[in-house]
Amino acid sequence: MKIIDTENPDVLVLEPCVFHDERGFFLEAWNARLQNEVKLDLQFVQDNHSRSTRNVLRGLHYQISEPQGKLVRVTRGQIFDVAVDLRKSKATFGQWVAYELSENNHRQFWIPPGFAHGFLVLSEIADVLYKTTDYYAPESERCLIWNDPDVGITWPLNCEPVLSPKDLLGLPLIKAEVFA
């Protein structure tokens, strides 16, 4: 597994070794020994799977009292995956990091607790799978508005995104609950 540093030292891109032959490919999506290499103390408790169509934008979601770390990957299609640092005590507060994840590049995005997460579907359909370090807690869920000018995410959009009613009600960073 290749570890790729990002602009935020706590957010990582993981690139597995992919073995191809005439039958297809094989890769190891997760191995607990990896956490020793990257010095992370991870215990995943839940796996999630979403399917979305082109121009669907999900997020930017986070849980305030039960924050989740997420290891995100795409098994079908392509997404623009975004993490926004909501840890007020960090120099990277309010900054975003994004990577394209796809069924072809097999990359995974590690987003630690304390970040908002969202993605835009770039392909006709995308299946997104992610492991979380805490359980879904709807009463703790919050949403940062996807187009907050203070955050300034450069989404690769050529039309208006498709948003859920919940995501339309996201708050700007200045009004959002954030982490200490």
C-alpha atoms as a PDB file:
ATOM      1  CA  MET A   1       0.000   0.000   0.000  1.00  0.00           C
ATOM      2  CA  LYS A   2       1.407   3.371  -1.011  1.00  0.00           C
ATOM      3  CA  ILE A   3       0.672   6.279   1.352  1.00  0.00           C
ATOM      4  CA  ILE A   4       0.312   9.673  -0.350  1.00  0.00           C
ATOM      5  CA  ASP A   5       0.494  12.797   1.805  1.00  0.00           C
ATOM      6  CA  THR A   6      -1.953  15.630   1.124  1.00  0.00           C
ATOM      7  CA  GLU A   7      -1.910  19.354   1.863  1.00  0.00           C
ATOM      8  CA  ASN A   8      -3.313  18.486   5.297  1.00  0.00           C
ATOM      9  CA  PRO A   9      -0.943  16.196   7.213  1.00  0.00           C
ATOM     10  CA  ASP A  10      -3.864  14.352   8.858  1.00  0.00           C
ATOM     11  CA  VAL A  11      -5.631  13.486   5.590  1.00  0.00           C
ATOM     12  CA  LEU A  12      -4.090  10.707   3.506  1.00  0.00           C
ATOM     13  CA  VAL A  13      -4.585   9.041   0.145  1.00  0.00           C
ATOM     14  CA  LEU A  14      -3.993   5.300   0.187  1.00  0.00           C
ATOM     15  CA  GLU A  15      -3.082   3.574  -3.046  1.00  0.00           C
ATOM     16  CA  PRO A  16      -3.265  -0.220  -2.863  1.00  0.00           C
ATOM     17  CA  CYS A  17      -1.109  -2.573  -4.880  1.00  0.00           C
ATOM     18  CA  VAL A  18      -3.305  -3.887  -7.680  1.00  0.00           C
ATOM     19  CA  PHE A  19      -2.509  -7.226  -9.284  1.00  0.00           C
ATOM     20  CA  HIS A  20      -3.886  -7.615 -12.821  1.00  0.00           C
ATOM     21  CA  ASP A  21      -4.079 -10.706 -14.979  1.00  0.00           C
ATOM     22  CA  GLU A  22      -6.323 -12.102 -17.727  1.00  0.00           C
ATOM     23  CA  ARG A  23      -9.101 -12.756 -15.169  1.00  0.00           C
ATOM     24  CA  GLY A  24      -9.262  -9.169 -13.889  1.00  0.00           C
ATOM     25  CA  PHE A  25      -7.580  -7.752 -10.813  1.00  0.00           C
ATOM     26  CA  PHE A  26      -7.036  -8.298  -7.086  1.00  0.00           C
ATOM     27  CA  LEU A  27      -6.297  -5.742  -4.388  1.00  0.00           C
ATOM     28  CA  GLU A  28      -6.251  -5.649  -0.626  1.00  0.00           C
ATOM     29  CA  ALA A  29      -8.659  -2.832   0.303  1.00  0.00           C
ATOM     30  CA  TRP A  30      -7.831  -2.825   4.003  1.00  0.00           C
ATOM     31  CA  ASN A  31      -5.334  -4.535   6.257  1.00  0.00           C
ATOM     32  CA  ALA A  32      -5.100  -3.630   9.948  1.00  0.00           C
ATOM     33  CA  ARG A  33      -1.289  -3.773   9.753  1.00  0.00           C
ATOM     34  CA  LEU A  34      -1.499  -0.621   7.632  1.00  0.00           C
ATOM     35  CA  GLN A  35      -2.278   1.433  10.718  1.00  0.00           C
ATOM     36  CA  ASN A  36       1.196   0.632  12.065  1.00  0.00           C
ATOM     37  CA  GLU A  37       2.757   2.046   8.888  1.00  0.00           C
ATOM     38  CA  VAL A  38       0.825   5.317   9.058  1.00  0.00           C
ATOM     39  CA  LYS A  39       0.722   5.468  12.879  1.00  0.00           C
ATOM     40  CA  LEU A  40      -3.070   5.604  13.070  1.00  0.00           C
ATOM     41  CA  ASP A  41      -5.127   4.007  15.813  1.00  0.00           C
ATOM     42  CA  LEU A  42      -8.182   2.864  13.862  1.00  0.00           C
ATOM     43  CA  GLN A  43     -11.070   0.632  14.696  1.00  0.00           C
ATOM     44  CA  PHE A  44     -13.748   0.596  12.038  1.00  0.00           C
ATOM     45  CA  VAL A  45     -17.271  -0.141  13.279  1.00  0.00           C
ATOM     46  CA  GLN A  46     -19.467   0.388  10.224  1.00  0.00           C
ATOM     47  CA  ASP A  47     -19.303  -0.004   6.429  1.00  0.00           C
ATOM     48  CA  ASN A  48     -21.515   2.192   4.237  1.00  0.00           C
ATOM     49  CA  HIS A  49     -22.340   1.976   0.530  1.00  0.00           C
ATOM     50  CA  SER A  50     -24.019   4.678  -1.536  1.00  0.00           C
ATOM     51  CA  ARG A  51     -24.928   4.750  -5.208  1.00  0.00           C
ATOM     52  CA  SER A  52     -25.434   8.097  -6.912  1.00  0.00           C
ATOM     53  CA  THR A  53     -25.821   9.466 -10.428  1.00  0.00           C
ATOM     54  CA  ARG A  54     -23.874  12.153 -12.281  1.00  0.00           C
ATOM     55  CA  ASN A  55     -23.813  15.621 -10.667  1.00  0.00           C
ATOM     56  CA  VAL A  56     -25.146  14.370  -7.327  1.00  0.00           C
ATOM     57  CA  LEU A  57     -23.332  16.232  -4.577  1.00  0.00           C
ATOM     58  CA  ARG A  58     -23.534  14.625  -1.139  1.00  0.00           C
ATOM     59  CA  GLY A  59     -22.349  16.611   1.852  1.00  0.00           C
ATOM     60  CA  LEU A  60     -20.572  18.215   3.433  1.00  0.00           C
ATOM     61  CA  HIS A  61     -21.491  15.982   6.396  1.00  0.00           C
ATOM     62  CA  TYR A  62     -20.020  15.504   9.850  1.00  0.00           C
ATOM     63  CA  GLN A  63     -21.076  14.416  13.324  1.00  0.00           C
ATOM     64  CA  ILE A  64     -20.380  16.928  16.060  1.00  0.00           C
ATOM     65  CA  SER A  65     -20.555  14.843  19.255  1.00  0.00           C
ATOM     66  CA  GLU A  66     -19.640  11.448  17.792  1.00  0.00           C
ATOM     67  CA  PRO A  67     -17.184  12.351  15.013  1.00  0.00           C
ATOM     68  CA  GLN A  68     -16.409   9.709  12.428  1.00  0.00           C
ATOM     69  CA  GLY A  69     -13.170   8.999  10.673  1.00  0.00           C
ATOM     70  CA  LYS A  70     -13.868   7.706   7.160  1.00  0.00           C
ATOM     71  CA  LEU A  71     -11.899   5.571   4.740  1.00  0.00           C
ATOM     72  CA  VAL A  72     -13.567   6.198   1.364  1.00  0.00           C
ATOM     73  CA  ARG A  73     -13.212   4.302  -1.902  1.00  0.00           C
ATOM     74  CA  VAL A  74     -15.077   3.962  -5.195  1.00  0.00           C
ATOM     75  CA  THR A  75     -15.883   0.569  -6.694  1.00  0.00           C
ATOM     76  CA  ARG A  76     -17.835   1.893  -9.683  1.00  0.00           C
ATOM     77  CA  GLY A  77     -17.473   5.239 -11.434  1.00  0.00           C
ATOM     78  CA  GLN A  78     -15.615   8.367 -10.369  1.00  0.00           C
ATOM     79  CA  ILE A  79     -16.063  11.061  -7.715  1.00  0.00           C
ATOM     80  CA  PHE A  80     -14.461  14.292  -6.568  1.00  0.00           C
ATOM     81  CA  ASP A  81     -14.046  13.616  -2.831  1.00  0.00           C
ATOM     82  CA  VAL A  82     -13.641  16.514  -0.383  1.00  0.00           C
ATOM     83  CA  ALA A  83     -12.620  16.891   3.273  1.00  0.00           C
ATOM     84  CA  VAL A  84     -12.894  20.209   5.133  1.00  0.00           C
ATOM     85  CA  ASP A  85     -10.994  20.647   8.396  1.00  0.00           C
ATOM     86  CA  LEU A  86     -13.393  21.770  11.150  1.00  0.00           C
ATOM     87  CA  ARG A  87     -10.884  21.598  14.011  1.00  0.00           C
ATOM     88  CA  LYS A  88     -10.623  25.201  15.228  1.00  0.00           C
ATOM     89  CA  SER A  89      -7.353  24.534  17.081  1.00  0.00           C
ATOM     90  CA  LYS A  90      -5.533  23.504  13.890  1.00  0.00           C
ATOM     91  CA  ALA A  91      -3.720  25.821  11.470  1.00  0.00           C
ATOM     92  CA  THR A  92      -5.622  24.043   8.671  1.00  0.00           C
ATOM     93  CA  PHE A  93      -9.065  25.018  10.085  1.00  0.00           C
ATOM     94  CA  GLY A  94     -11.514  25.788   7.267  1.00  0.00           C
ATOM     95  CA  GLN A  95      -9.180  24.452   4.566  1.00  0.00           C
ATOM     96  CA  TRP A  96     -10.240  21.736   2.167  1.00  0.00           C
ATOM     97  CA  VAL A  97      -8.469  18.845   0.486  1.00  0.00           C
ATOM     98  CA  ALA A  98      -9.892  16.950  -2.496  1.00  0.00           C
ATOM     99  CA  TYR A  99      -8.960  13.994  -4.652  1.00  0.00           C
ATOM    100  CA  GLU A 100     -10.583  12.114  -7.484  1.00  0.00           C
ATOM    101  CA  LEU A 101     -11.362   8.553  -6.525  1.00  0.00           C
ATOM    102  CA  SER A 102     -12.382   6.038  -9.150  1.00  0.00           C
ATOM    103  CA  GLU A 103     -12.811   2.392  -9.964  1.00  0.00           C
ATOM    104  CA  ASN A 104      -9.722   2.768 -12.164  1.00  0.00           C
ATOM    105  CA  ASN A 105      -7.263   4.408  -9.766  1.00  0.00           C
ATOM    106  CA  HIS A 106      -8.416   2.315  -6.747  1.00  0.00           C
ATOM    107  CA  ARG A 107      -7.320   5.104  -4.390  1.00  0.00           C
ATOM    108  CA  GLN A 108      -8.798   5.496  -0.938  1.00  0.00           C
ATOM    109  CA  PHE A 109      -9.174   8.725   1.016  1.00  0.00           C
ATOM    110  CA  TRP A 110      -8.587   8.728   4.785  1.00  0.00           C
ATOM    111  CA  ILE A 111     -10.581  11.528   6.428  1.00  0.00           C
ATOM    112  CA  PRO A 112     -10.018  11.709  10.193  1.00  0.00           C
ATOM    113  CA  PRO A 113     -12.629  12.701  12.789  1.00  0.00           C
ATOM    114  CA  GLY A 114     -13.107  16.463  12.935  1.00  0.00           C
ATOM    115  CA  PHE A 115     -13.627  16.932   9.198  1.00  0.00           C
ATOM    116  CA  ALA A 116     -16.704  17.524   7.063  1.00  0.00           C
ATOM    117  CA  HIS A 117     -16.923  15.151   4.093  1.00  0.00           C
ATOM    118  CA  GLY A 118     -18.684  15.342   0.765  1.00  0.00           C
ATOM    119  CA  PHE A 119     -18.362  14.240  -2.830  1.00  0.00           C
ATOM    120  CA  LEU A 120     -19.525  15.068  -6.331  1.00  0.00           C
ATOM    121  CA  VAL A 121     -20.255  12.262  -8.795  1.00  0.00           C
ATOM    122  CA  LEU A 122     -18.328  12.768 -12.055  1.00  0.00           C
ATOM    123  CA  SER A 123     -19.411   9.583 -13.839  1.00  0.00           C
ATOM    124  CA  GLU A 124     -22.828   8.369 -14.962  1.00  0.00           C
ATOM    125  CA  ILE A 125     -23.104   6.290 -11.764  1.00  0.00           C
ATOM    126  CA  ALA A 126     -20.804   5.899  -8.771  1.00  0.00           C
ATOM    127  CA  ASP A 127     -20.750   3.345  -5.986  1.00  0.00           C
ATOM    128  CA  VAL A 128     -18.976   4.770  -2.946  1.00  0.00           C
ATOM    129  CA  LEU A 129     -17.985   2.543  -0.043  1.00  0.00           C
ATOM    130  CA  TYR A 130     -16.615   3.852   3.208  1.00  0.00           C
ATOM    131  CA  LYS A 131     -15.609   2.501   6.567  1.00  0.00           C
ATOM    132  CA  THR A 132     -16.315   4.632   9.649  1.00  0.00           C
ATOM    133  CA  THR A 133     -14.694   4.778  13.077  1.00  0.00           C
ATOM    134  CA  ASP A 134     -17.980   5.547  14.846  1.00  0.00           C
ATOM    135  CA  TYR A 135     -21.630   4.685  14.311  1.00  0.00           C
ATOM    136  CA  TYR A 136     -24.099   6.904  12.500  1.00  0.00           C
ATOM    137  CA  ALA A 137     -25.748   9.214  15.039  1.00  0.00           C
ATOM    138  CA  PRO A 138     -28.500  11.251  13.334  1.00  0.00           C
ATOM    139  CA  GLU A 139     -28.929  13.589  16.320  1.00  0.00           C
ATOM    140  CA  SER A 140     -25.248  14.518  16.030  1.00  0.00           C
ATOM    141  CA  GLU A 141     -25.198  14.976  12.241  1.00  0.00           C
ATOM    142  CA  ARG A 142     -24.432  18.419  10.866  1.00  0.00           C
ATOM    143  CA  CYS A 143     -24.007  19.774   7.344  1.00  0.00           C
ATOM    144  CA  LEU A 144     -21.649  22.439   6.070  1.00  0.00           C
ATOM    145  CA  ILE A 145     -23.025  24.138   2.944  1.00  0.00           C
ATOM    146  CA  TRP A 146     -21.246  22.848  -0.155  1.00  0.00           C
ATOM    147  CA  ASN A 147     -20.671  26.265  -1.773  1.00  0.00           C
ATOM    148  CA  ASP A 148     -19.557  28.390   1.195  1.00  0.00           C
ATOM    149  CA  PRO A 149     -17.365  31.151  -0.293  1.00  0.00           C
ATOM    150  CA  ASP A 150     -15.302  31.280   2.909  1.00  0.00           C
ATOM    151  CA  VAL A 151     -14.269  27.655   2.358  1.00  0.00           C
ATOM    152  CA  GLY A 152     -13.957  28.123  -1.417  1.00  0.00           C
ATOM    153  CA  ILE A 153     -14.079  24.560  -2.700  1.00  0.00           C
ATOM    154  CA  THR A 154     -13.417  24.448  -6.437  1.00  0.00           C
ATOM    155  CA  TRP A 155     -15.978  21.824  -7.450  1.00  0.00           C
ATOM    156  CA  PRO A 156     -15.580  20.528 -11.042  1.00  0.00           C
ATOM    157  CA  LEU A 157     -19.151  21.470 -11.959  1.00  0.00           C
ATOM    158  CA  ASN A 158     -20.581  22.491 -15.329  1.00  0.00           C
ATOM    159  CA  CYS A 159     -24.190  22.704 -14.058  1.00  0.00           C
ATOM    160  CA  GLU A 160     -26.083  22.961 -10.779  1.00  0.00           C
ATOM    161  CA  PRO A 161     -25.486  19.923  -8.555  1.00  0.00           C
ATOM    162  CA  VAL A 162     -28.266  17.592  -7.457  1.00  0.00           C
ATOM    163  CA  LEU A 163     -28.658  18.049  -3.681  1.00  0.00           C
ATOM    164  CA  SER A 164     -30.832  16.459  -1.012  1.00  0.00           C
ATOM    165  CA  PRO A 165     -33.207  18.715   0.936  1.00  0.00           C
ATOM    166  CA  LYS A 166     -30.948  18.227   3.993  1.00  0.00           C
ATOM    167  CA  ASP A 167     -27.855  19.314   2.071  1.00  0.00           C
ATOM    168  CA  LEU A 168     -29.631  22.429   0.779  1.00  0.00           C
ATOM    169  CA  LEU A 169     -29.943  23.505   4.430  1.00  0.00           C
ATOM    170  CA  GLY A 170     -26.233  23.241   5.219  1.00  0.00           C
ATOM    171  CA  LEU A 171     -24.699  26.093   7.186  1.00  0.00           C
ATOM    172  CA  PRO A 172     -21.749  28.301   6.239  1.00  0.00           C
ATOM    173  CA  LEU A 173     -18.552  27.758   8.229  1.00  0.00           C
ATOM    174  CA  ILE A 174     -19.059  30.983  10.184  1.00  0.00           C
ATOM    175  CA  LYS A 175     -22.370  29.641  11.621  1.00  0.00           C
ATOM    176  CA  ALA A 176     -21.499  25.926  11.827  1.00  0.00           C
ATOM    177  CA  GLU A 177     -20.732  24.000  14.986  1.00  0.00           C
ATOM    178  CA  VAL A 178     -17.073  23.055  14.826  1.00  0.00           C
ATOM    179  CA  PHE A 179     -14.556  21.107  16.887  1.00  0.00           C
ATOM    180  CA  ALA A 180     -12.217  22.591  19.515  1.00  0.00           C
END
